[in-house]
Amino acid sequence: MQRLLLPARRIIPRMDPVTAVGLASVSAMLLFYWLEPRSAAYSLAFGLACWSAALYGWLADVWPFSVVEAIWGAVAVRRYFARR
């Protein structure tokens, strides 16, 4: 007796809004960190992305990550004003 083989169902996890903010923030951080040597504007964008990641850490209730990212953001914005 042969069994009928059905294709396996793909389970795609859904992303909640907090995780989406975190993914977008960290992706932007990586992009702007890579571009930072090209222009001072990328330093500012990196700082804003860090603060966005700090917001994610606060929303996800991961306060140590939030504190570190807020500090990184402040350092990047300070670096922007020093390079201008």
N, C-alpha and C. Protein backbone atom coordinates (compact mmCIF):
# COMPACT_ATOMS: atom_id res chain seq x y z
N MET A 1 0.83 -1.17 0.00
CA MET A 1 0.00 0.00 0.00
C MET A 1 0.89 1.25 0.00
N GLN A 2 0.66 2.15 -0.92
CA GLN A 2 1.45 3.36 -1.03
C GLN A 2 0.81 4.49 -0.24
N ARG A 3 1.69 5.31 0.34
CA ARG A 3 1.19 6.48 1.07
C ARG A 3 1.28 7.69 0.16
N LEU A 4 0.31 8.51 0.25
CA LEU A 4 0.30 9.75 -0.52
C LEU A 4 1.15 10.77 0.23
N LEU A 5 2.21 11.25 -0.40
CA LEU A 5 3.10 12.22 0.24
C LEU A 5 2.64 13.63 -0.11
N LEU A 6 2.33 14.39 0.88
CA LEU A 6 1.92 15.78 0.69
C LEU A 6 3.13 16.68 0.89
N PRO A 7 3.19 17.78 0.16
CA PRO A 7 4.33 18.70 0.37
C PRO A 7 4.30 19.27 1.78
N ALA A 8 5.48 19.44 2.32
CA ALA A 8 5.58 19.98 3.68
C ALA A 8 5.13 21.43 3.68
N ARG A 9 4.41 21.81 4.69
CA ARG A 9 3.96 23.20 4.81
C ARG A 9 5.09 24.03 5.39
N ARG A 10 5.31 25.17 4.79
CA ARG A 10 6.32 26.08 5.31
C ARG A 10 5.69 26.91 6.41
N ILE A 11 6.38 26.94 7.50
CA ILE A 11 5.90 27.75 8.61
C ILE A 11 6.73 29.03 8.62
N ILE A 12 6.09 30.13 8.36
CA ILE A 12 6.76 31.42 8.34
C ILE A 12 6.35 32.17 9.59
N PRO A 13 7.31 32.40 10.48
CA PRO A 13 6.94 33.11 11.72
C PRO A 13 6.57 34.55 11.41
N ARG A 14 5.59 35.03 12.12
CA ARG A 14 5.17 36.41 11.95
C ARG A 14 6.06 37.30 12.83
N MET A 15 6.27 38.51 12.36
CA MET A 15 7.13 39.43 13.08
C MET A 15 6.25 40.49 13.75
N ASP A 16 6.44 40.65 15.04
CA ASP A 16 5.67 41.67 15.73
C ASP A 16 6.32 43.04 15.48
N PRO A 17 5.59 44.12 15.72
CA PRO A 17 6.13 45.46 15.42
C PRO A 17 7.42 45.79 16.17
N VAL A 18 7.56 45.33 17.39
CA VAL A 18 8.77 45.62 18.16
C VAL A 18 9.99 44.97 17.50
N THR A 19 9.84 43.73 17.08
CA THR A 19 10.93 43.05 16.39
C THR A 19 11.25 43.72 15.06
N ALA A 20 10.23 44.20 14.37
CA ALA A 20 10.45 44.90 13.10
C ALA A 20 11.26 46.18 13.32
N VAL A 21 10.96 46.91 14.39
CA VAL A 21 11.74 48.11 14.73
C VAL A 21 13.19 47.74 15.00
N GLY A 22 13.39 46.67 15.76
CA GLY A 22 14.74 46.22 16.06
C GLY A 22 15.51 45.80 14.82
N LEU A 23 14.85 45.07 13.93
CA LEU A 23 15.50 44.63 12.70
C LEU A 23 15.88 45.82 11.83
N ALA A 24 14.96 46.76 11.67
CA ALA A 24 15.23 47.94 10.85
C ALA A 24 16.34 48.79 11.47
N SER A 25 16.32 48.95 12.78
CA SER A 25 17.32 49.78 13.47
C SER A 25 18.72 49.20 13.35
N VAL A 26 18.85 47.93 13.63
CA VAL A 26 20.18 47.31 13.60
C VAL A 26 20.68 47.22 12.15
N SER A 27 19.79 46.98 11.21
CA SER A 27 20.20 46.97 9.80
C SER A 27 20.70 48.35 9.37
N ALA A 28 19.99 49.39 9.79
CA ALA A 28 20.43 50.75 9.47
C ALA A 28 21.76 51.06 10.15
N MET A 29 21.93 50.61 11.38
CA MET A 29 23.20 50.82 12.07
C MET A 29 24.36 50.21 11.28
N LEU A 30 24.19 48.98 10.84
CA LEU A 30 25.26 48.32 10.09
C LEU A 30 25.55 49.05 8.79
N LEU A 31 24.52 49.46 8.07
CA LEU A 31 24.71 50.17 6.82
C LEU A 31 25.44 51.50 7.03
N PHE A 32 24.98 52.30 7.99
CA PHE A 32 25.57 53.61 8.20
C PHE A 32 26.96 53.53 8.83
N TYR A 33 27.21 52.50 9.62
CA TYR A 33 28.56 52.32 10.17
C TYR A 33 29.54 52.03 9.03
N TRP A 34 29.09 51.25 8.07
CA TRP A 34 29.92 50.91 6.92
C TRP A 34 30.17 52.15 6.06
N LEU A 35 29.16 53.01 5.93
CA LEU A 35 29.28 54.21 5.10
C LEU A 35 29.91 55.40 5.83
N GLU A 36 30.08 55.30 7.11
CA GLU A 36 30.52 56.43 7.93
C GLU A 36 31.81 57.10 7.46
N PRO A 37 32.83 56.39 7.00
CA PRO A 37 34.05 57.09 6.55
C PRO A 37 33.84 57.99 5.33
N ARG A 38 32.76 57.81 4.60
CA ARG A 38 32.54 58.56 3.37
C ARG A 38 32.04 59.98 3.60
N SER A 39 31.29 60.20 4.67
CA SER A 39 30.71 61.52 4.89
C SER A 39 30.32 61.67 6.36
N ALA A 40 30.37 62.90 6.83
CA ALA A 40 29.95 63.17 8.21
C ALA A 40 28.45 62.92 8.38
N ALA A 41 27.69 63.06 7.32
CA ALA A 41 26.24 62.83 7.41
C ALA A 41 25.93 61.39 7.81
N TYR A 42 26.78 60.46 7.40
CA TYR A 42 26.56 59.07 7.79
C TYR A 42 26.83 58.85 9.28
N SER A 43 27.68 59.67 9.86
CA SER A 43 27.88 59.60 11.32
C SER A 43 26.60 60.00 12.04
N LEU A 44 25.96 61.05 11.54
CA LEU A 44 24.69 61.48 12.13
C LEU A 44 23.63 60.40 11.93
N ALA A 45 23.55 59.83 10.73
CA ALA A 45 22.58 58.78 10.47
C ALA A 45 22.84 57.56 11.35
N PHE A 46 24.12 57.24 11.56
CA PHE A 46 24.46 56.13 12.45
C PHE A 46 24.00 56.41 13.87
N GLY A 47 24.20 57.63 14.33
CA GLY A 47 23.75 57.99 15.67
C GLY A 47 22.24 57.89 15.81
N LEU A 48 21.51 58.35 14.81
CA LEU A 48 20.06 58.24 14.86
C LEU A 48 19.60 56.79 14.82
N ALA A 49 20.30 55.97 14.05
CA ALA A 49 19.97 54.54 14.02
C ALA A 49 20.27 53.89 15.37
N CYS A 50 21.33 54.34 16.03
CA CYS A 50 21.64 53.82 17.37
C CYS A 50 20.53 54.18 18.36
N TRP A 51 20.05 55.41 18.26
CA TRP A 51 18.96 55.82 19.16
C TRP A 51 17.68 55.07 18.84
N SER A 52 17.48 54.74 17.58
CA SER A 52 16.33 53.91 17.21
C SER A 52 16.48 52.51 17.81
N ALA A 53 17.69 51.98 17.79
CA ALA A 53 17.93 50.68 18.40
C ALA A 53 17.76 50.75 19.92
N ALA A 54 18.11 51.90 20.50
CA ALA A 54 17.88 52.08 21.95
C ALA A 54 16.39 52.08 22.24
N LEU A 55 15.60 52.68 21.37
CA LEU A 55 14.15 52.64 21.52
C LEU A 55 13.65 51.21 21.45
N TYR A 56 14.18 50.43 20.52
CA TYR A 56 13.82 49.02 20.43
C TYR A 56 14.15 48.30 21.74
N GLY A 57 15.34 48.54 22.28
CA GLY A 57 15.73 47.89 23.54
C GLY A 57 14.79 48.26 24.67
N TRP A 58 14.33 49.50 24.69
CA TRP A 58 13.39 49.93 25.72
C TRP A 58 12.03 49.26 25.52
N LEU A 59 11.58 49.19 24.26
CA LEU A 59 10.29 48.55 23.98
C LEU A 59 10.32 47.05 24.26
N ALA A 60 11.47 46.43 24.01
CA ALA A 60 11.61 44.99 24.24
C ALA A 60 11.97 44.67 25.69
N ASP A 61 12.09 45.71 26.51
CA ASP A 61 12.43 45.57 27.93
C ASP A 61 13.81 44.93 28.12
N VAL A 62 14.75 45.38 27.31
CA VAL A 62 16.14 44.94 27.41
C VAL A 62 16.95 46.20 27.68
N TRP A 63 16.85 46.70 28.90
CA TRP A 63 17.42 48.01 29.20
C TRP A 63 18.94 48.09 29.09
N PRO A 64 19.74 47.04 29.37
CA PRO A 64 21.19 47.20 29.17
C PRO A 64 21.54 47.49 27.71
N PHE A 65 20.87 46.82 26.77
CA PHE A 65 21.08 47.08 25.35
C PHE A 65 20.68 48.51 25.02
N SER A 66 19.59 48.96 25.60
CA SER A 66 19.09 50.31 25.35
C SER A 66 20.10 51.36 25.82
N VAL A 67 20.68 51.16 26.97
CA VAL A 67 21.65 52.11 27.52
C VAL A 67 22.90 52.17 26.64
N VAL A 68 23.40 51.01 26.24
CA VAL A 68 24.61 50.97 25.41
C VAL A 68 24.36 51.64 24.06
N GLU A 69 23.22 51.38 23.46
CA GLU A 69 22.91 51.98 22.16
C GLU A 69 22.70 53.49 22.27
N ALA A 70 22.13 53.94 23.36
CA ALA A 70 21.97 55.39 23.57
C ALA A 70 23.34 56.07 23.67
N ILE A 71 24.27 55.42 24.36
CA ILE A 71 25.62 55.97 24.48
C ILE A 71 26.31 55.98 23.12
N TRP A 72 26.18 54.88 22.36
CA TRP A 72 26.75 54.82 21.01
C TRP A 72 26.18 55.94 20.15
N GLY A 73 24.89 56.18 20.28
CA GLY A 73 24.25 57.24 19.51
C GLY A 73 24.82 58.60 19.86
N ALA A 74 25.02 58.86 21.15
CA ALA A 74 25.57 60.14 21.58
C ALA A 74 27.00 60.31 21.06
N VAL A 75 27.78 59.25 21.09
CA VAL A 75 29.16 59.31 20.59
C VAL A 75 29.16 59.60 19.08
N ALA A 76 28.28 58.95 18.35
CA ALA A 76 28.23 59.16 16.90
C ALA A 76 27.78 60.57 16.54
N VAL A 77 26.80 61.11 17.27
CA VAL A 77 26.34 62.48 16.98
C VAL A 77 27.44 63.47 17.34
N ARG A 78 28.15 63.22 18.42
CA ARG A 78 29.28 64.09 18.79
C ARG A 78 30.36 64.04 17.71
N ARG A 79 30.61 62.84 17.17
CA ARG A 79 31.59 62.68 16.10
C ARG A 79 31.14 63.43 14.85
N TYR A 80 29.84 63.44 14.60
CA TYR A 80 29.30 64.19 13.46
C TYR A 80 29.62 65.68 13.59
N PHE A 81 29.36 66.26 14.77
CA PHE A 81 29.61 67.68 14.96
C PHE A 81 31.10 67.99 14.95
N ALA A 82 31.94 67.06 15.36
CA ALA A 82 33.38 67.27 15.32
C ALA A 82 33.91 67.25 13.88
N ARG A 83 33.29 66.45 13.02
CA ARG A 83 33.74 66.33 11.63
C ARG A 83 33.22 67.41 10.73
N ARG A 84 32.16 68.08 11.12
CA ARG A 84 31.55 69.13 10.27
C ARG A 84 32.41 70.30 10.07
